[in-house]
Protein backbone atom coordinates (compact mmCIF):
# COMPACT_ATOMS: atom_id res chain seq x y z
CA MET A 1 22.93 -73.36 -5.04
CA THR A 2 21.65 -71.18 -3.46
CA ALA A 3 22.37 -69.40 -0.34
CA THR A 4 18.74 -70.26 1.32
CA ASN A 5 18.67 -74.05 1.17
CA ASN A 6 20.07 -76.80 -0.44
CA ALA A 7 18.36 -77.03 -3.81
CA PRO A 8 20.38 -76.60 -6.33
CA ASP A 9 20.14 -73.77 -8.34
CA THR A 10 18.18 -73.82 -11.63
CA THR A 11 17.71 -70.17 -13.03
CA ALA A 12 21.63 -70.63 -13.93
CA GLU A 13 20.44 -74.20 -15.78
CA GLU A 14 17.42 -72.54 -17.67
CA ARG A 15 19.38 -69.21 -18.39
CA TRP A 16 22.30 -71.16 -20.04
CA GLN A 17 19.39 -73.84 -21.71
CA HIS A 18 18.36 -70.60 -23.17
CA ILE A 19 21.01 -69.27 -24.52
CA GLU A 20 21.81 -72.36 -26.29
CA ASP A 21 18.35 -72.53 -27.64
CA ARG A 22 19.32 -68.95 -29.55
CA LEU A 23 22.06 -69.90 -31.02
CA ALA A 24 20.29 -73.14 -32.59
CA ALA A 25 17.98 -71.01 -33.94
CA ILE A 26 20.39 -68.47 -35.03
CA GLU A 27 23.04 -71.52 -36.89
CA ARG A 28 19.64 -72.97 -38.36
CA ARG A 29 18.69 -69.51 -39.69
CA ILE A 30 22.48 -68.94 -40.73
CA ARG A 31 22.28 -72.32 -42.88
CA GLU A 32 18.54 -71.73 -44.45
CA GLN A 33 19.35 -68.18 -45.36
CA SER A 34 22.99 -69.32 -47.02
CA THR A 35 21.81 -72.04 -49.20
CA ALA A 36 19.25 -69.39 -50.47
CA ALA A 37 21.94 -67.12 -50.67
CA ILE A 38 23.86 -70.08 -52.78
CA ALA A 39 20.98 -71.11 -54.63
CA THR A 40 20.40 -67.43 -56.21
CA ILE A 41 24.57 -66.61 -56.85
CA ASP A 42 24.68 -70.71 -58.84
CA ALA A 43 21.29 -69.71 -61.15
CA CYS A 44 23.32 -65.79 -62.00
CA LEU A 45 26.39 -67.66 -62.33
CA ALA A 46 24.22 -70.17 -65.15
CA ARG A 47 23.15 -66.72 -66.51
CA LEU A 48 26.29 -65.34 -66.86
CA ASP A 49 27.83 -68.52 -68.55
CA ALA A 50 25.37 -68.61 -71.09
CA LEU A 51 25.73 -65.66 -72.00
CA LEU A 52 29.11 -65.68 -72.32
CA HIS A 53 28.43 -68.88 -74.58
CA ASP A 54 26.83 -66.63 -76.75
CA LEU A 55 29.08 -64.24 -77.25
CA ALA A 56 31.69 -66.23 -77.82
CA HIS A 57 29.62 -68.03 -80.60
CA ARG A 58 27.82 -65.67 -82.24
CA PRO A 59 28.84 -63.72 -84.85
CA TRP A 60 30.43 -59.97 -84.11
CA PRO A 61 28.88 -57.43 -84.90
CA PRO A 62 25.50 -58.92 -84.46
CA GLN A 63 23.11 -59.42 -87.17
CA ALA A 64 20.11 -58.46 -84.88
CA PHE A 65 19.57 -57.43 -81.23
CA PRO A 66 17.30 -60.18 -79.75
CA THR A 67 13.82 -58.84 -78.05
CA PRO A 68 13.49 -59.15 -74.26
CA ALA A 69 10.94 -61.03 -73.09
CA ALA A 70 7.56 -59.69 -72.40
CA PRO A 71 6.52 -59.69 -69.01
CA PRO A 72 3.12 -61.44 -69.04
CA THR A 73 0.12 -59.25 -68.84
CA PRO A 74 -2.61 -59.61 -66.14
CA PRO A 75 -5.83 -60.44 -67.94
CA GLN A 76 -8.05 -58.00 -68.65
CA PRO A 77 -11.47 -57.34 -66.96
CA VAL A 78 -14.86 -58.10 -68.95
CA ARG A 79 -16.56 -55.64 -70.18
CA ALA A 80 -20.67 -55.38 -70.87
CA PRO A 81 -21.43 -54.90 -74.14
CA THR A 82 -22.07 -51.03 -74.83
CA ALA A 83 -24.61 -49.36 -77.55
CA SER A 84 -22.26 -48.09 -80.96
CA LEU A 85 -21.09 -44.51 -80.64
CA PHE A 86 -21.73 -43.85 -83.44
CA GLY A 87 -25.90 -43.62 -85.07
CA PRO A 88 -26.88 -44.99 -88.72
CA ALA A 89 -25.87 -41.84 -90.57
CA GLY A 90 -22.44 -42.60 -89.33
CA ARG A 91 -22.85 -39.47 -86.84
CA ARG A 92 -20.96 -39.62 -83.28
CA ARG A 93 -24.36 -40.06 -80.65
CA THR A 94 -24.12 -37.80 -77.51
CA GLN A 95 -24.30 -38.97 -74.44
CA THR A 96 -27.11 -36.91 -72.06
CA VAL A 97 -28.02 -36.95 -68.71
CA PRO A 98 -31.44 -37.62 -68.01
CA ASP A 99 -33.28 -34.46 -66.33
CA ALA A 100 -30.16 -32.16 -67.76
CA PRO A 101 -31.46 -29.08 -69.52
CA GLN A 102 -30.86 -28.90 -73.38
CA HIS A 103 -29.14 -26.00 -74.89
CA GLY A 104 -28.98 -25.06 -78.69
CA PRO A 105 -31.10 -24.75 -81.09
CA ALA A 106 -32.60 -28.09 -80.85
CA SER A 107 -34.44 -27.01 -77.35
CA GLY A 108 -36.79 -24.26 -78.85
CA HIS A 109 -34.26 -21.42 -77.50
CA GLN A 110 -32.77 -19.55 -79.95
CA ALA A 111 -30.66 -16.69 -78.82
CA THR A 112 -31.38 -13.36 -81.11
CA GLY A 113 -29.09 -10.91 -79.82
CA ARG A 114 -31.74 -8.45 -78.57
CA VAL A 115 -33.25 -6.86 -75.34
CA SER A 116 -36.67 -6.54 -75.10
CA ALA A 117 -36.65 -2.60 -73.20
């Protein structure tokens, strides 16, 4: 009860109810996490038991080492078809950039090494 009137003090009851609710939530979370942890430990123990069985019943030293399972490969993206890199005579084609100046003997300009005076 409060000192100012005869009404019961509900704030203390609400506070205790809040604490009890939080304790119940913590208990539920602990139960879920412990169940998951126990399942993980059981799986590890089963794997260890299988390894122990293999070691106990296989010849020693092993004749061949088992290869680990390869991880799954992601699907490769589909590429658009491209032109052949090689021309009809077996020479490699070169790609040119449009509007780029061409250099070398094929462009019509030949360097002579002479400087006109």
